[in-house]
Amino acid sequence: ITLRKRKMYEEFLSKVSILESLDKWERLTVADALEPVQFEDGEKIVVQGEPGDDFFIITEVRGHVPPGTSAHPNPHAP
């Protein structure tokens, strides 16, 4: 991980409410463990209601979030 990315990740993590109890060194440890992941068009990343093993921090979206998901709680939303 580059120093620039590490600083960017640490700064972002400092603003995440569920991680606010971490001190700076703990946030840096988390930042160092982050790995970028890309997904193919149409590939499901998470399915609401199913257990998960991963923690995602979305930095860029070039896709579609279907209605009825937590990003669009109203199934009739555009």
N, C-alpha and C. Protein backbone atom coordinates (compact mmCIF):
# COMPACT_ATOMS: atom_id res chain seq x y z
N ILE A 1 0.85 -1.18 0.00
CA ILE A 1 0.00 0.00 0.00
C ILE A 1 0.90 1.24 0.00
N THR A 2 0.58 2.16 -0.86
CA THR A 2 1.39 3.38 -0.92
C THR A 2 1.06 4.28 0.27
N LEU A 3 1.99 5.14 0.59
CA LEU A 3 1.80 6.06 1.71
C LEU A 3 0.59 6.96 1.49
N ARG A 4 0.39 7.38 0.24
CA ARG A 4 -0.75 8.25 -0.09
C ARG A 4 -2.08 7.52 0.15
N LYS A 5 -2.16 6.26 -0.31
CA LYS A 5 -3.38 5.48 -0.10
C LYS A 5 -3.60 5.20 1.38
N ARG A 6 -2.52 4.90 2.09
CA ARG A 6 -2.63 4.62 3.52
C ARG A 6 -3.23 5.83 4.24
N LYS A 7 -2.74 7.01 3.91
CA LYS A 7 -3.25 8.24 4.53
C LYS A 7 -4.72 8.46 4.15
N MET A 8 -5.06 8.23 2.89
CA MET A 8 -6.44 8.40 2.44
C MET A 8 -7.36 7.42 3.17
N TYR A 9 -6.95 6.14 3.28
CA TYR A 9 -7.75 5.14 3.97
C TYR A 9 -7.91 5.49 5.45
N GLU A 10 -6.82 5.89 6.08
CA GLU A 10 -6.86 6.22 7.51
C GLU A 10 -7.79 7.40 7.75
N GLU A 11 -7.72 8.40 6.88
CA GLU A 11 -8.60 9.57 7.01
C GLU A 11 -10.06 9.16 6.85
N PHE A 12 -10.33 8.31 5.87
CA PHE A 12 -11.69 7.83 5.65
C PHE A 12 -12.17 7.03 6.86
N LEU A 13 -11.34 6.10 7.34
CA LEU A 13 -11.72 5.25 8.46
C LEU A 13 -12.01 6.07 9.72
N SER A 14 -11.34 7.20 9.87
CA SER A 14 -11.56 8.04 11.05
C SER A 14 -12.97 8.65 11.06
N LYS A 15 -13.64 8.64 9.91
CA LYS A 15 -14.99 9.21 9.79
C LYS A 15 -16.09 8.15 9.82
N VAL A 16 -15.71 6.87 9.92
CA VAL A 16 -16.69 5.78 9.93
C VAL A 16 -17.15 5.56 11.37
N SER A 17 -18.44 5.76 11.62
CA SER A 17 -18.95 5.75 13.00
C SER A 17 -18.69 4.44 13.74
N ILE A 18 -18.81 3.29 13.07
CA ILE A 18 -18.60 2.03 13.78
C ILE A 18 -17.13 1.79 14.13
N LEU A 19 -16.24 2.59 13.56
CA LEU A 19 -14.81 2.45 13.85
C LEU A 19 -14.28 3.59 14.72
N GLU A 20 -15.17 4.46 15.21
CA GLU A 20 -14.71 5.64 15.93
C GLU A 20 -14.01 5.33 17.25
N SER A 21 -14.21 4.13 17.79
CA SER A 21 -13.53 3.78 19.05
C SER A 21 -12.07 3.37 18.83
N LEU A 22 -11.68 3.16 17.57
CA LEU A 22 -10.29 2.79 17.29
C LEU A 22 -9.37 4.00 17.44
N ASP A 23 -8.17 3.74 17.97
CA ASP A 23 -7.20 4.84 18.01
C ASP A 23 -6.49 4.92 16.66
N LYS A 24 -5.64 5.91 16.49
CA LYS A 24 -4.97 6.14 15.20
C LYS A 24 -4.20 4.91 14.74
N TRP A 25 -3.48 4.26 15.63
CA TRP A 25 -2.65 3.10 15.25
C TRP A 25 -3.51 1.92 14.83
N GLU A 26 -4.65 1.74 15.50
CA GLU A 26 -5.57 0.67 15.11
C GLU A 26 -6.16 0.96 13.73
N ARG A 27 -6.51 2.22 13.48
CA ARG A 27 -7.02 2.59 12.15
C ARG A 27 -5.97 2.36 11.07
N LEU A 28 -4.72 2.67 11.38
CA LEU A 28 -3.64 2.43 10.41
C LEU A 28 -3.47 0.94 10.14
N THR A 29 -3.65 0.12 11.17
CA THR A 29 -3.58 -1.34 10.98
C THR A 29 -4.68 -1.81 10.05
N VAL A 30 -5.89 -1.29 10.25
CA VAL A 30 -7.01 -1.62 9.36
C VAL A 30 -6.70 -1.12 7.95
N ALA A 31 -6.23 0.11 7.83
CA ALA A 31 -5.90 0.70 6.53
C ALA A 31 -4.88 -0.16 5.79
N ASP A 32 -3.88 -0.66 6.51
CA ASP A 32 -2.85 -1.49 5.88
C ASP A 32 -3.40 -2.84 5.40
N ALA A 33 -4.50 -3.29 6.01
CA ALA A 33 -5.08 -4.59 5.65
C ALA A 33 -6.06 -4.49 4.48
N LEU A 34 -6.45 -3.28 4.11
CA LEU A 34 -7.42 -3.12 3.02
C LEU A 34 -6.83 -3.55 1.68
N GLU A 35 -7.65 -4.21 0.89
CA GLU A 35 -7.24 -4.64 -0.45
C GLU A 35 -8.30 -4.22 -1.45
N PRO A 36 -7.90 -3.59 -2.55
CA PRO A 36 -8.89 -3.22 -3.57
C PRO A 36 -9.47 -4.45 -4.26
N VAL A 37 -10.76 -4.40 -4.53
CA VAL A 37 -11.46 -5.49 -5.20
C VAL A 37 -12.34 -4.88 -6.29
N GLN A 38 -12.38 -5.52 -7.44
CA GLN A 38 -13.27 -5.07 -8.51
C GLN A 38 -14.22 -6.21 -8.83
N PHE A 39 -15.42 -5.86 -9.24
CA PHE A 39 -16.43 -6.85 -9.57
C PHE A 39 -16.88 -6.65 -11.00
N GLU A 40 -17.32 -7.74 -11.61
CA GLU A 40 -17.79 -7.71 -12.99
C GLU A 40 -19.23 -7.19 -13.04
N ASP A 41 -19.62 -6.66 -14.18
CA ASP A 41 -21.00 -6.21 -14.38
C ASP A 41 -21.96 -7.34 -14.06
N GLY A 42 -22.98 -7.04 -13.28
CA GLY A 42 -24.00 -8.02 -12.94
C GLY A 42 -23.65 -8.93 -11.79
N GLU A 43 -22.42 -8.89 -11.33
CA GLU A 43 -21.99 -9.76 -10.23
C GLU A 43 -22.56 -9.23 -8.91
N LYS A 44 -23.15 -10.14 -8.11
CA LYS A 44 -23.69 -9.74 -6.81
C LYS A 44 -22.54 -9.64 -5.82
N ILE A 45 -22.50 -8.53 -5.13
CA ILE A 45 -21.44 -8.30 -4.14
C ILE A 45 -21.92 -8.75 -2.77
N VAL A 46 -23.09 -8.31 -2.39
CA VAL A 46 -23.73 -8.73 -1.15
C VAL A 46 -25.20 -8.96 -1.43
N VAL A 47 -25.81 -9.85 -0.66
CA VAL A 47 -27.23 -10.11 -0.79
C VAL A 47 -27.86 -9.84 0.57
N GLN A 48 -28.81 -8.93 0.59
CA GLN A 48 -29.45 -8.54 1.85
C GLN A 48 -30.03 -9.76 2.54
N GLY A 49 -29.73 -9.90 3.84
CA GLY A 49 -30.25 -11.00 4.64
C GLY A 49 -29.33 -12.20 4.72
N GLU A 50 -28.35 -12.29 3.83
CA GLU A 50 -27.40 -13.41 3.87
C GLU A 50 -26.20 -13.03 4.72
N PRO A 51 -25.66 -14.02 5.47
CA PRO A 51 -24.46 -13.71 6.28
C PRO A 51 -23.28 -13.39 5.38
N GLY A 52 -22.39 -12.57 5.88
CA GLY A 52 -21.21 -12.21 5.10
C GLY A 52 -19.93 -12.43 5.88
N ASP A 53 -18.84 -12.58 5.16
CA ASP A 53 -17.53 -12.78 5.77
C ASP A 53 -16.60 -11.60 5.50
N ASP A 54 -17.04 -10.65 4.68
CA ASP A 54 -16.17 -9.56 4.27
C ASP A 54 -16.76 -8.22 4.68
N PHE A 55 -15.87 -7.24 4.76
CA PHE A 55 -16.24 -5.86 5.08
C PHE A 55 -15.83 -5.03 3.88
N PHE A 56 -16.78 -4.34 3.27
CA PHE A 56 -16.49 -3.56 2.08
C PHE A 56 -16.56 -2.07 2.37
N ILE A 57 -15.62 -1.34 1.82
CA ILE A 57 -15.66 0.11 1.81
C ILE A 57 -15.71 0.49 0.33
N ILE A 58 -16.83 1.03 -0.09
CA ILE A 58 -17.01 1.35 -1.50
C ILE A 58 -16.43 2.73 -1.77
N THR A 59 -15.44 2.77 -2.65
CA THR A 59 -14.79 4.04 -2.97
C THR A 59 -15.22 4.59 -4.32
N GLU A 60 -15.73 3.73 -5.18
CA GLU A 60 -16.15 4.17 -6.51
C GLU A 60 -17.23 3.23 -7.00
N VAL A 61 -18.28 3.80 -7.57
CA VAL A 61 -19.37 2.99 -8.09
C VAL A 61 -19.56 3.33 -9.56
N ARG A 62 -19.53 2.29 -10.36
CA ARG A 62 -19.84 2.43 -11.79
C ARG A 62 -20.85 1.36 -12.13
N GLY A 63 -21.95 1.37 -11.43
CA GLY A 63 -22.92 0.32 -11.64
C GLY A 63 -24.30 0.75 -11.20
N HIS A 64 -25.07 -0.23 -10.80
CA HIS A 64 -26.48 -0.02 -10.51
C HIS A 64 -26.81 -0.71 -9.19
N VAL A 65 -27.51 0.01 -8.33
CA VAL A 65 -28.03 -0.57 -7.09
C VAL A 65 -29.51 -0.80 -7.32
N PRO A 66 -29.95 -2.07 -7.35
CA PRO A 66 -31.35 -2.34 -7.65
C PRO A 66 -32.30 -1.80 -6.59
N PRO A 67 -33.50 -1.37 -7.00
CA PRO A 67 -34.52 -0.94 -6.04
C PRO A 67 -34.81 -2.08 -5.06
N GLY A 68 -35.17 -1.70 -3.82
CA GLY A 68 -35.48 -2.71 -2.81
C GLY A 68 -34.27 -3.08 -1.97
N THR A 69 -33.10 -2.52 -2.27
CA THR A 69 -31.92 -2.77 -1.45
C THR A 69 -31.82 -1.66 -0.42
N SER A 70 -30.88 -1.80 0.51
CA SER A 70 -30.77 -0.79 1.56
C SER A 70 -30.42 0.58 1.00
N ALA A 71 -29.79 0.64 -0.17
CA ALA A 71 -29.50 1.93 -0.79
C ALA A 71 -30.76 2.55 -1.37
N HIS A 72 -31.71 1.71 -1.73
CA HIS A 72 -33.02 2.15 -2.24
C HIS A 72 -34.09 1.36 -1.48
N PRO A 73 -34.40 1.76 -0.22
CA PRO A 73 -35.33 0.96 0.57
C PRO A 73 -36.74 0.87 -0.03
N ASN A 74 -37.12 1.81 -0.86
CA ASN A 74 -38.43 1.77 -1.49
C ASN A 74 -38.31 0.97 -2.79
N PRO A 75 -38.98 -0.19 -2.88
CA PRO A 75 -38.85 -1.00 -4.10
C PRO A 75 -39.37 -0.32 -5.36
N HIS A 76 -40.10 0.78 -5.19
CA HIS A 76 -40.60 1.52 -6.35
C HIS A 76 -39.75 2.73 -6.67
N ALA A 77 -38.62 2.86 -5.97
CA ALA A 77 -37.71 4.00 -6.22
C ALA A 77 -37.02 3.83 -7.55
N PRO A 78 -36.69 4.93 -8.19
CA PRO A 78 -36.00 4.84 -9.50
C PRO A 78 -34.59 4.30 -9.35
